[in-house]
């Protein structure tokens, strides 16, 4: 508000957060800066109607038994000491550009610090690197998949 009686809203930031929601297919995002918090959200119905993707959230009325087999596979890797997790929320890419070879493949040996994939967040490409040298035994995501903070990405032995 211009009259000084309310809070100052950074509309450019709100637009940028809304674009991130659209590109990553998230339903909400919240940013804190000191005492100020900005939360941008939309309903799940709006998300599913807005795109025809490789990623689709489960229907709201899905039976728990139907979701259990899909969730069981990543749970097997959660305790693995070589698990690499996402440090940020964004969209994961396994290749440097469309049509290019992936950064790594299952069965490949990598050096410590080698790029495993990238995560785009707020239009910034963030490389996710191998914390140690070893063999990539499992890639737990697919390219262009939205990922959450602390989500399992890759397993290195």
N, C-alpha and C. Protein backbone atom coordinates (compact mmCIF):
# COMPACT_ATOMS: atom_id res chain seq x y z
N UNK A 1 0.84 -1.18 0.00
CA UNK A 1 0.00 0.00 0.00
C UNK A 1 0.87 1.23 0.00
N UNK A 2 0.46 2.23 -0.74
CA UNK A 2 1.27 3.42 -0.88
C UNK A 2 1.08 4.41 0.26
N UNK A 3 -0.01 4.33 1.01
CA UNK A 3 -0.28 5.31 2.06
C UNK A 3 0.46 5.05 3.36
N UNK A 4 1.23 3.97 3.43
CA UNK A 4 2.01 3.67 4.63
C UNK A 4 1.22 3.01 5.74
N UNK A 5 -0.08 2.74 5.52
CA UNK A 5 -0.88 2.15 6.58
C UNK A 5 -0.83 0.63 6.60
N UNK A 6 -0.19 0.01 5.62
CA UNK A 6 -0.15 -1.45 5.57
C UNK A 6 1.25 -1.94 5.25
N UNK A 7 1.33 -3.20 4.97
CA UNK A 7 2.63 -3.79 4.67
C UNK A 7 3.01 -3.49 3.23
N UNK A 8 4.30 -3.51 2.97
CA UNK A 8 4.81 -3.34 1.62
C UNK A 8 4.93 -4.73 1.00
N UNK A 9 4.31 -4.94 -0.15
CA UNK A 9 4.32 -6.23 -0.81
C UNK A 9 5.24 -6.16 -2.02
N UNK A 10 6.18 -7.08 -2.08
CA UNK A 10 7.09 -7.18 -3.22
C UNK A 10 6.37 -7.99 -4.30
N UNK A 11 5.66 -7.30 -5.18
CA UNK A 11 4.86 -8.00 -6.19
C UNK A 11 5.72 -8.79 -7.17
N UNK A 12 6.93 -8.34 -7.43
CA UNK A 12 7.83 -9.10 -8.32
C UNK A 12 8.17 -10.45 -7.69
N UNK A 13 8.41 -10.47 -6.37
CA UNK A 13 8.70 -11.72 -5.67
C UNK A 13 7.48 -12.64 -5.70
N UNK A 14 6.30 -12.08 -5.49
CA UNK A 14 5.09 -12.89 -5.52
C UNK A 14 4.91 -13.52 -6.90
N UNK A 15 5.13 -12.72 -7.96
CA UNK A 15 5.04 -13.26 -9.33
C UNK A 15 6.05 -14.37 -9.55
N UNK A 16 7.27 -14.16 -9.08
CA UNK A 16 8.33 -15.16 -9.25
C UNK A 16 7.98 -16.46 -8.52
N UNK A 17 7.42 -16.35 -7.32
CA UNK A 17 6.99 -17.53 -6.57
C UNK A 17 5.84 -18.24 -7.29
N UNK A 18 4.93 -17.47 -7.86
CA UNK A 18 3.82 -18.07 -8.62
C UNK A 18 4.34 -18.82 -9.84
N UNK A 19 5.34 -18.25 -10.52
CA UNK A 19 5.94 -18.93 -11.67
C UNK A 19 6.62 -20.23 -11.23
N UNK A 20 7.28 -20.20 -10.07
CA UNK A 20 7.92 -21.41 -9.55
C UNK A 20 6.87 -22.48 -9.26
N UNK A 21 5.72 -22.09 -8.70
CA UNK A 21 4.64 -23.05 -8.47
C UNK A 21 4.22 -23.70 -9.78
N UNK A 22 4.05 -22.88 -10.80
CA UNK A 22 3.61 -23.39 -12.11
C UNK A 22 4.65 -24.33 -12.71
N UNK A 23 5.91 -23.93 -12.71
CA UNK A 23 6.94 -24.73 -13.37
C UNK A 23 7.28 -26.01 -12.60
N UNK A 24 7.11 -26.01 -11.28
CA UNK A 24 7.47 -27.19 -10.49
C UNK A 24 6.26 -28.02 -10.09
N UNK A 25 5.06 -27.56 -10.42
CA UNK A 25 3.82 -28.27 -10.11
C UNK A 25 3.60 -28.43 -8.61
N UNK A 26 4.14 -27.52 -7.80
CA UNK A 26 3.89 -27.53 -6.37
C UNK A 26 2.54 -26.86 -6.10
N UNK A 27 1.98 -27.08 -4.92
CA UNK A 27 0.71 -26.45 -4.59
C UNK A 27 0.90 -25.23 -3.70
N UNK A 28 2.05 -25.11 -3.03
CA UNK A 28 2.30 -23.92 -2.24
C UNK A 28 3.78 -23.76 -1.99
N UNK A 29 4.18 -22.52 -1.73
CA UNK A 29 5.56 -22.20 -1.40
C UNK A 29 5.54 -21.04 -0.41
N UNK A 30 6.47 -21.06 0.54
CA UNK A 30 6.54 -20.01 1.55
C UNK A 30 7.98 -19.55 1.68
N UNK A 31 8.17 -18.23 1.74
CA UNK A 31 9.50 -17.64 1.86
C UNK A 31 9.49 -16.72 3.08
N UNK A 32 10.51 -16.87 3.92
CA UNK A 32 10.63 -16.03 5.11
C UNK A 32 11.87 -15.16 4.97
N UNK A 33 11.72 -13.88 5.32
CA UNK A 33 12.82 -12.92 5.27
C UNK A 33 12.69 -12.05 6.52
N UNK A 34 13.40 -12.42 7.56
CA UNK A 34 13.29 -11.69 8.82
C UNK A 34 11.91 -11.88 9.41
N UNK A 35 11.19 -10.78 9.63
CA UNK A 35 9.84 -10.84 10.19
C UNK A 35 8.78 -11.04 9.11
N UNK A 36 9.16 -10.91 7.86
CA UNK A 36 8.21 -10.99 6.75
C UNK A 36 8.11 -12.42 6.22
N UNK A 37 6.89 -12.88 5.99
CA UNK A 37 6.64 -14.18 5.39
C UNK A 37 5.70 -14.00 4.21
N UNK A 38 6.07 -14.59 3.08
CA UNK A 38 5.21 -14.56 1.89
C UNK A 38 4.88 -16.00 1.54
N UNK A 39 3.58 -16.29 1.46
CA UNK A 39 3.11 -17.64 1.12
C UNK A 39 2.23 -17.52 -0.10
N UNK A 40 2.55 -18.33 -1.13
CA UNK A 40 1.76 -18.38 -2.35
C UNK A 40 1.25 -19.81 -2.45
N UNK A 41 -0.06 -19.98 -2.62
CA UNK A 41 -0.64 -21.32 -2.66
C UNK A 41 -1.78 -21.36 -3.66
N UNK A 42 -2.09 -22.57 -4.09
CA UNK A 42 -3.24 -22.80 -4.94
C UNK A 42 -3.80 -24.17 -4.61
N UNK A 43 -5.02 -24.43 -5.02
CA UNK A 43 -5.65 -25.71 -4.70
C UNK A 43 -5.12 -26.81 -5.61
N UNK A 44 -5.19 -28.03 -5.15
CA UNK A 44 -4.72 -29.17 -5.94
C UNK A 44 -5.52 -29.31 -7.22
N UNK A 45 -6.80 -28.96 -7.20
CA UNK A 45 -7.63 -29.06 -8.40
C UNK A 45 -7.09 -28.15 -9.49
N UNK A 46 -6.62 -26.97 -9.12
CA UNK A 46 -6.08 -26.05 -10.12
C UNK A 46 -4.79 -26.58 -10.71
N UNK A 47 -4.01 -27.28 -9.91
CA UNK A 47 -2.75 -27.83 -10.39
C UNK A 47 -3.01 -28.92 -11.42
N UNK A 48 -3.89 -29.85 -11.12
CA UNK A 48 -4.11 -30.97 -12.02
C UNK A 48 -4.79 -30.54 -13.31
N UNK A 49 -5.56 -29.46 -13.28
CA UNK A 49 -6.23 -28.99 -14.48
C UNK A 49 -5.28 -28.21 -15.38
N UNK A 50 -4.17 -27.73 -14.86
CA UNK A 50 -3.30 -26.83 -15.60
C UNK A 50 -2.23 -27.46 -16.45
N UNK A 51 -2.03 -28.76 -16.41
CA UNK A 51 -0.97 -29.35 -17.21
C UNK A 51 -1.27 -30.81 -17.48
N UNK A 52 -0.63 -31.34 -18.51
CA UNK A 52 -0.75 -32.75 -18.85
C UNK A 52 0.65 -33.32 -18.82
N UNK A 53 1.10 -33.86 -17.72
CA UNK A 53 2.51 -34.11 -17.52
C UNK A 53 2.92 -35.56 -17.35
N UNK A 54 4.24 -35.63 -17.15
CA UNK A 54 4.82 -36.88 -16.74
C UNK A 54 4.57 -37.09 -15.25
N UNK A 55 4.24 -36.02 -14.54
CA UNK A 55 3.97 -36.09 -13.11
C UNK A 55 2.52 -35.72 -12.88
N UNK A 56 1.79 -36.54 -12.18
CA UNK A 56 0.41 -36.21 -11.82
C UNK A 56 0.18 -36.63 -10.38
N UNK A 57 -0.31 -35.73 -9.54
CA UNK A 57 -0.56 -36.10 -8.15
C UNK A 57 -1.67 -37.14 -8.07
N UNK A 58 -1.67 -38.00 -7.05
CA UNK A 58 -2.72 -39.01 -6.93
C UNK A 58 -4.06 -38.33 -6.69
N UNK A 59 -5.14 -38.97 -7.13
CA UNK A 59 -6.45 -38.40 -6.86
C UNK A 59 -6.67 -38.26 -5.36
N UNK A 60 -7.46 -37.27 -4.97
CA UNK A 60 -7.67 -37.01 -3.56
C UNK A 60 -8.32 -38.19 -2.86
N UNK A 61 -9.14 -38.97 -3.54
CA UNK A 61 -9.83 -40.10 -2.93
C UNK A 61 -9.10 -41.42 -3.12
N UNK A 62 -7.82 -41.40 -3.46
CA UNK A 62 -7.08 -42.64 -3.72
C UNK A 62 -7.02 -43.50 -2.46
N UNK A 63 -7.14 -44.78 -2.66
CA UNK A 63 -7.08 -45.72 -1.54
C UNK A 63 -5.64 -45.83 -1.05
N UNK A 64 -5.40 -45.91 0.26
CA UNK A 64 -4.04 -46.02 0.77
C UNK A 64 -3.31 -47.25 0.24
N UNK A 65 -4.01 -48.34 0.01
CA UNK A 65 -3.36 -49.55 -0.49
C UNK A 65 -2.79 -49.34 -1.88
N UNK A 66 -3.43 -48.51 -2.70
CA UNK A 66 -2.94 -48.26 -4.05
C UNK A 66 -1.64 -47.46 -4.01
N UNK A 67 -1.48 -46.57 -3.05
CA UNK A 67 -0.30 -45.73 -2.97
C UNK A 67 0.88 -46.45 -2.32
N UNK A 68 0.64 -47.46 -1.54
CA UNK A 68 1.71 -48.13 -0.79
C UNK A 68 2.78 -48.76 -1.68
N UNK A 69 2.49 -49.50 -2.75
CA UNK A 69 3.56 -50.09 -3.54
C UNK A 69 4.49 -49.06 -4.16
N UNK A 70 3.98 -47.94 -4.64
CA UNK A 70 4.82 -46.91 -5.24
C UNK A 70 5.74 -46.29 -4.19
N UNK A 71 5.26 -46.10 -2.99
CA UNK A 71 6.06 -45.49 -1.94
C UNK A 71 7.07 -46.46 -1.34
N UNK A 72 6.85 -47.76 -1.50
CA UNK A 72 7.71 -48.75 -0.87
C UNK A 72 9.11 -48.76 -1.46
N UNK A 73 9.25 -48.55 -2.77
CA UNK A 73 10.56 -48.62 -3.40
C UNK A 73 11.53 -47.58 -2.84
N UNK A 74 11.19 -46.27 -2.80
CA UNK A 74 12.13 -45.31 -2.23
C UNK A 74 12.41 -45.54 -0.76
N UNK A 75 11.44 -46.07 0.00
CA UNK A 75 11.66 -46.32 1.42
C UNK A 75 12.79 -47.32 1.64
N UNK A 76 12.98 -48.24 0.71
CA UNK A 76 14.05 -49.22 0.83
C UNK A 76 15.43 -48.55 0.89
N UNK A 77 15.57 -47.38 0.28
CA UNK A 77 16.85 -46.71 0.18
C UNK A 77 17.07 -45.65 1.27
N UNK A 78 16.05 -45.32 2.03
CA UNK A 78 16.15 -44.20 2.98
C UNK A 78 17.24 -44.38 4.04
N UNK A 79 17.54 -45.61 4.41
CA UNK A 79 18.55 -45.86 5.44
C UNK A 79 19.93 -46.10 4.84
N UNK A 80 20.04 -46.09 3.52
CA UNK A 80 21.33 -46.38 2.88
C UNK A 80 22.32 -45.25 3.18
N UNK A 81 23.56 -45.59 3.57
CA UNK A 81 24.54 -44.55 3.92
C UNK A 81 24.99 -43.71 2.72
N UNK A 82 24.76 -44.19 1.51
CA UNK A 82 25.17 -43.44 0.31
C UNK A 82 24.03 -42.67 -0.33
N UNK A 83 22.94 -42.47 0.40
CA UNK A 83 21.78 -41.76 -0.15
C UNK A 83 22.09 -40.27 -0.29
N UNK A 84 21.81 -39.72 -1.47
CA UNK A 84 21.96 -38.28 -1.71
C UNK A 84 20.55 -37.72 -1.76
N UNK A 85 20.29 -36.71 -0.90
CA UNK A 85 18.95 -36.11 -0.80
C UNK A 85 18.97 -34.70 -1.39
N UNK A 86 17.79 -34.23 -1.77
CA UNK A 86 17.66 -32.89 -2.32
C UNK A 86 17.85 -31.84 -1.22
N UNK A 87 18.74 -30.87 -1.46
CA UNK A 87 18.92 -29.81 -0.48
C UNK A 87 17.91 -28.66 -0.65
N UNK A 88 17.12 -28.71 -1.75
CA UNK A 88 16.19 -27.62 -2.05
C UNK A 88 14.94 -28.17 -2.73
N UNK A 89 13.94 -27.32 -2.84
CA UNK A 89 12.72 -27.62 -3.58
C UNK A 89 12.91 -27.10 -5.00
N UNK A 90 12.52 -27.88 -5.99
CA UNK A 90 12.64 -27.42 -7.37
C UNK A 90 12.30 -28.52 -8.34
N UNK A 91 12.79 -28.38 -9.57
CA UNK A 91 12.59 -29.37 -10.61
C UNK A 91 13.93 -30.00 -10.93
N UNK A 92 14.00 -31.33 -10.86
CA UNK A 92 15.25 -32.06 -11.09
C UNK A 92 15.42 -32.37 -12.57
N UNK A 93 16.64 -32.26 -13.03
CA UNK A 93 16.99 -32.59 -14.41
C UNK A 93 18.20 -33.54 -14.37
N UNK A 94 18.09 -34.66 -15.05
CA UNK A 94 19.17 -35.64 -15.09
C UNK A 94 20.15 -35.36 -16.23
N UNK A 95 19.80 -34.45 -17.13
CA UNK A 95 20.64 -34.10 -18.27
C UNK A 95 20.92 -32.60 -18.27
N UNK A 96 22.05 -32.18 -18.85
CA UNK A 96 22.35 -30.75 -18.88
C UNK A 96 21.41 -29.95 -19.79
N UNK A 97 20.84 -30.62 -20.79
CA UNK A 97 19.88 -29.99 -21.70
C UNK A 97 19.06 -31.09 -22.35
N UNK A 98 17.89 -30.75 -22.90
CA UNK A 98 17.05 -31.79 -23.53
C UNK A 98 17.81 -32.50 -24.64
N UNK A 99 17.68 -33.81 -24.65
CA UNK A 99 18.32 -34.63 -25.68
C UNK A 99 19.77 -34.99 -25.40
N UNK A 100 20.37 -34.40 -24.37
CA UNK A 100 21.76 -34.69 -24.03
C UNK A 100 21.85 -35.96 -23.19
N UNK A 101 23.05 -36.51 -23.11
CA UNK A 101 23.29 -37.68 -22.27
C UNK A 101 23.14 -37.27 -20.80
N UNK A 102 22.67 -38.20 -19.95
CA UNK A 102 22.52 -37.88 -18.53
C UNK A 102 23.88 -37.63 -17.88
N UNK A 103 23.86 -36.87 -16.79
CA UNK A 103 25.09 -36.63 -16.03
C UNK A 103 25.69 -37.96 -15.57
N UNK A 104 24.85 -38.84 -15.02
CA UNK A 104 25.29 -40.16 -14.56
C UNK A 104 24.22 -41.19 -14.89
N UNK A 105 24.64 -42.45 -14.90
CA UNK A 105 23.72 -43.56 -15.13
C UNK A 105 23.92 -44.58 -14.03
N UNK A 106 22.90 -45.40 -13.79
CA UNK A 106 23.03 -46.46 -12.79
C UNK A 106 24.15 -47.40 -13.23
N UNK A 107 24.99 -47.80 -12.28
CA UNK A 107 26.12 -48.67 -12.55
C UNK A 107 27.41 -47.92 -12.85
N UNK A 108 27.33 -46.64 -13.07
CA UNK A 108 28.49 -45.82 -13.39
C UNK A 108 29.26 -45.46 -12.13
N UNK A 109 30.58 -45.39 -12.23
CA UNK A 109 31.42 -44.96 -11.12
C UNK A 109 31.63 -43.45 -11.23
N UNK A 110 31.49 -42.75 -10.10
CA UNK A 110 31.65 -41.30 -10.08
C UNK A 110 32.71 -40.90 -9.07
N UNK A 111 33.32 -39.75 -9.32
CA UNK A 111 34.30 -39.19 -8.38
C UNK A 111 33.56 -38.27 -7.41
N UNK A 112 34.16 -38.06 -6.25
CA UNK A 112 33.59 -37.11 -5.29
C UNK A 112 33.53 -35.74 -5.96
N UNK A 113 32.40 -35.08 -5.84
CA UNK A 113 32.25 -33.76 -6.44
C UNK A 113 31.69 -33.76 -7.85
N UNK A 114 31.52 -34.95 -8.45
CA UNK A 114 30.96 -35.03 -9.81
C UNK A 114 29.49 -34.64 -9.78
N UNK A 115 29.03 -33.96 -10.83
CA UNK A 115 27.63 -33.56 -10.91
C UNK A 115 26.77 -34.79 -11.18
N UNK A 116 25.77 -35.00 -10.33
CA UNK A 116 24.84 -36.12 -10.49
C UNK A 116 23.59 -35.69 -11.27
N UNK A 117 23.14 -34.47 -11.01
CA UNK A 117 21.94 -33.91 -11.63
C UNK A 117 21.90 -32.44 -11.28
N UNK A 118 20.91 -31.73 -11.80
CA UNK A 118 20.72 -30.34 -11.40
C UNK A 118 19.29 -30.15 -10.93
N UNK A 119 19.10 -29.20 -10.05
CA UNK A 119 17.75 -28.85 -9.60
C UNK A 119 17.56 -27.37 -9.90
N UNK A 120 16.51 -27.08 -10.66
CA UNK A 120 16.16 -25.71 -10.97
C UNK A 120 15.24 -25.18 -9.89
N UNK A 121 15.62 -24.07 -9.31
CA UNK A 121 14.80 -23.41 -8.30
C UNK A 121 14.89 -21.91 -8.53
N UNK A 122 13.77 -21.27 -8.70
CA UNK A 122 13.72 -19.82 -8.93
C UNK A 122 14.58 -19.43 -10.14
N UNK A 123 14.52 -20.25 -11.19
CA UNK A 123 15.24 -20.03 -12.45
C UNK A 123 16.76 -20.11 -12.30
N UNK A 124 17.23 -20.73 -11.23
CA UNK A 124 18.66 -20.94 -11.01
C UNK A 124 18.92 -22.43 -11.06
N UNK A 125 19.92 -22.83 -11.84
CA UNK A 125 20.29 -24.24 -11.95
C UNK A 125 21.32 -24.55 -10.86
N UNK A 126 20.97 -25.48 -9.96
CA UNK A 126 21.82 -25.85 -8.83
C UNK A 126 22.36 -27.25 -9.04
N UNK A 127 23.68 -27.40 -9.22
CA UNK A 127 24.22 -28.75 -9.38
C UNK A 127 24.17 -29.52 -8.07
N UNK A 128 23.80 -30.78 -8.17
CA UNK A 128 23.83 -31.69 -7.02
C UNK A 128 25.00 -32.62 -7.28
N UNK A 129 25.98 -32.59 -6.39
CA UNK A 129 27.22 -33.32 -6.62
C UNK A 129 27.34 -34.54 -5.71
N UNK A 130 28.18 -35.46 -6.15
CA UNK A 130 28.44 -36.67 -5.37
C UNK A 130 29.23 -36.31 -4.11
N UNK A 131 28.73 -36.68 -2.94
CA UNK A 131 29.45 -36.37 -1.70
C UNK A 131 30.69 -37.24 -1.51
N UNK A 132 30.75 -38.35 -2.26
CA UNK A 132 31.89 -39.27 -2.15
C UNK A 132 32.04 -39.99 -3.49
N UNK A 133 33.19 -40.58 -3.69
CA UNK A 133 33.41 -41.40 -4.88
C UNK A 133 32.72 -42.74 -4.69
N UNK A 134 32.25 -43.33 -5.78
CA UNK A 134 31.60 -44.62 -5.68
C UNK A 134 30.81 -44.96 -6.93
N UNK A 135 30.01 -45.99 -6.79
CA UNK A 135 29.19 -46.48 -7.90
C UNK A 135 27.75 -46.03 -7.70
N UNK A 136 27.13 -45.47 -8.74
CA UNK A 136 25.73 -45.07 -8.69
C UNK A 136 24.90 -46.36 -8.79
N UNK A 137 24.27 -46.74 -7.70
CA UNK A 137 23.49 -47.99 -7.70
C UNK A 137 22.02 -47.77 -7.99
N UNK A 138 21.52 -46.57 -7.74
CA UNK A 138 20.10 -46.32 -7.99
C UNK A 138 19.85 -44.83 -8.19
N UNK A 139 19.09 -44.49 -9.23
CA UNK A 139 18.60 -43.13 -9.44
C UNK A 139 17.11 -43.20 -9.11
N UNK A 140 16.69 -42.47 -8.09
CA UNK A 140 15.34 -42.60 -7.54
C UNK A 140 14.33 -41.62 -8.13
N UNK A 141 14.75 -40.78 -9.05
CA UNK A 141 13.84 -39.81 -9.66
C UNK A 141 13.95 -39.89 -11.17
N UNK A 142 13.06 -39.19 -11.87
CA UNK A 142 13.15 -39.09 -13.32
C UNK A 142 13.38 -37.62 -13.67
N UNK A 143 13.87 -37.38 -14.86
CA UNK A 143 14.15 -36.02 -15.28
C UNK A 143 12.86 -35.21 -15.37
N UNK A 144 12.97 -33.94 -15.03
CA UNK A 144 11.86 -32.98 -15.02
C UNK A 144 10.83 -33.25 -13.93
N UNK A 145 11.23 -34.02 -12.93
CA UNK A 145 10.35 -34.32 -11.81
C UNK A 145 10.47 -33.25 -10.74
N UNK A 146 9.36 -32.76 -10.21
CA UNK A 146 9.44 -31.85 -9.07
C UNK A 146 9.96 -32.62 -7.85
N UNK A 147 10.86 -31.99 -7.10
CA UNK A 147 11.39 -32.62 -5.90
C UNK A 147 11.22 -31.68 -4.71
N UNK A 148 11.10 -32.26 -3.56
CA UNK A 148 10.95 -31.53 -2.31
C UNK A 148 12.27 -31.54 -1.55
N UNK A 149 12.37 -30.68 -0.56
CA UNK A 149 13.53 -30.67 0.32
C UNK A 149 13.67 -32.03 0.99
N UNK A 150 14.87 -32.57 1.03
CA UNK A 150 15.21 -33.83 1.70
C UNK A 150 14.67 -35.07 0.98
N UNK A 151 14.20 -34.91 -0.25
CA UNK A 151 13.70 -36.06 -1.01
C UNK A 151 14.89 -36.90 -1.52
N UNK A 152 14.82 -38.22 -1.41
CA UNK A 152 15.88 -39.08 -1.92
C UNK A 152 16.04 -38.94 -3.43
N UNK A 153 17.29 -38.78 -3.90
CA UNK A 153 17.56 -38.57 -5.32
C UNK A 153 18.36 -39.72 -5.93
N UNK A 154 19.52 -40.02 -5.33
CA UNK A 154 20.47 -40.97 -5.90
C UNK A 154 21.12 -41.76 -4.74
N UNK A 155 21.50 -43.00 -5.04
CA UNK A 155 22.21 -43.81 -4.06
C UNK A 155 23.59 -44.15 -4.64
N UNK A 156 24.64 -43.87 -3.87
CA UNK A 156 26.02 -44.16 -4.27
C UNK A 156 26.62 -45.13 -3.26
N UNK A 157 27.26 -46.18 -3.75
CA UNK A 157 27.96 -47.13 -2.87
C UNK A 157 29.45 -46.99 -3.07
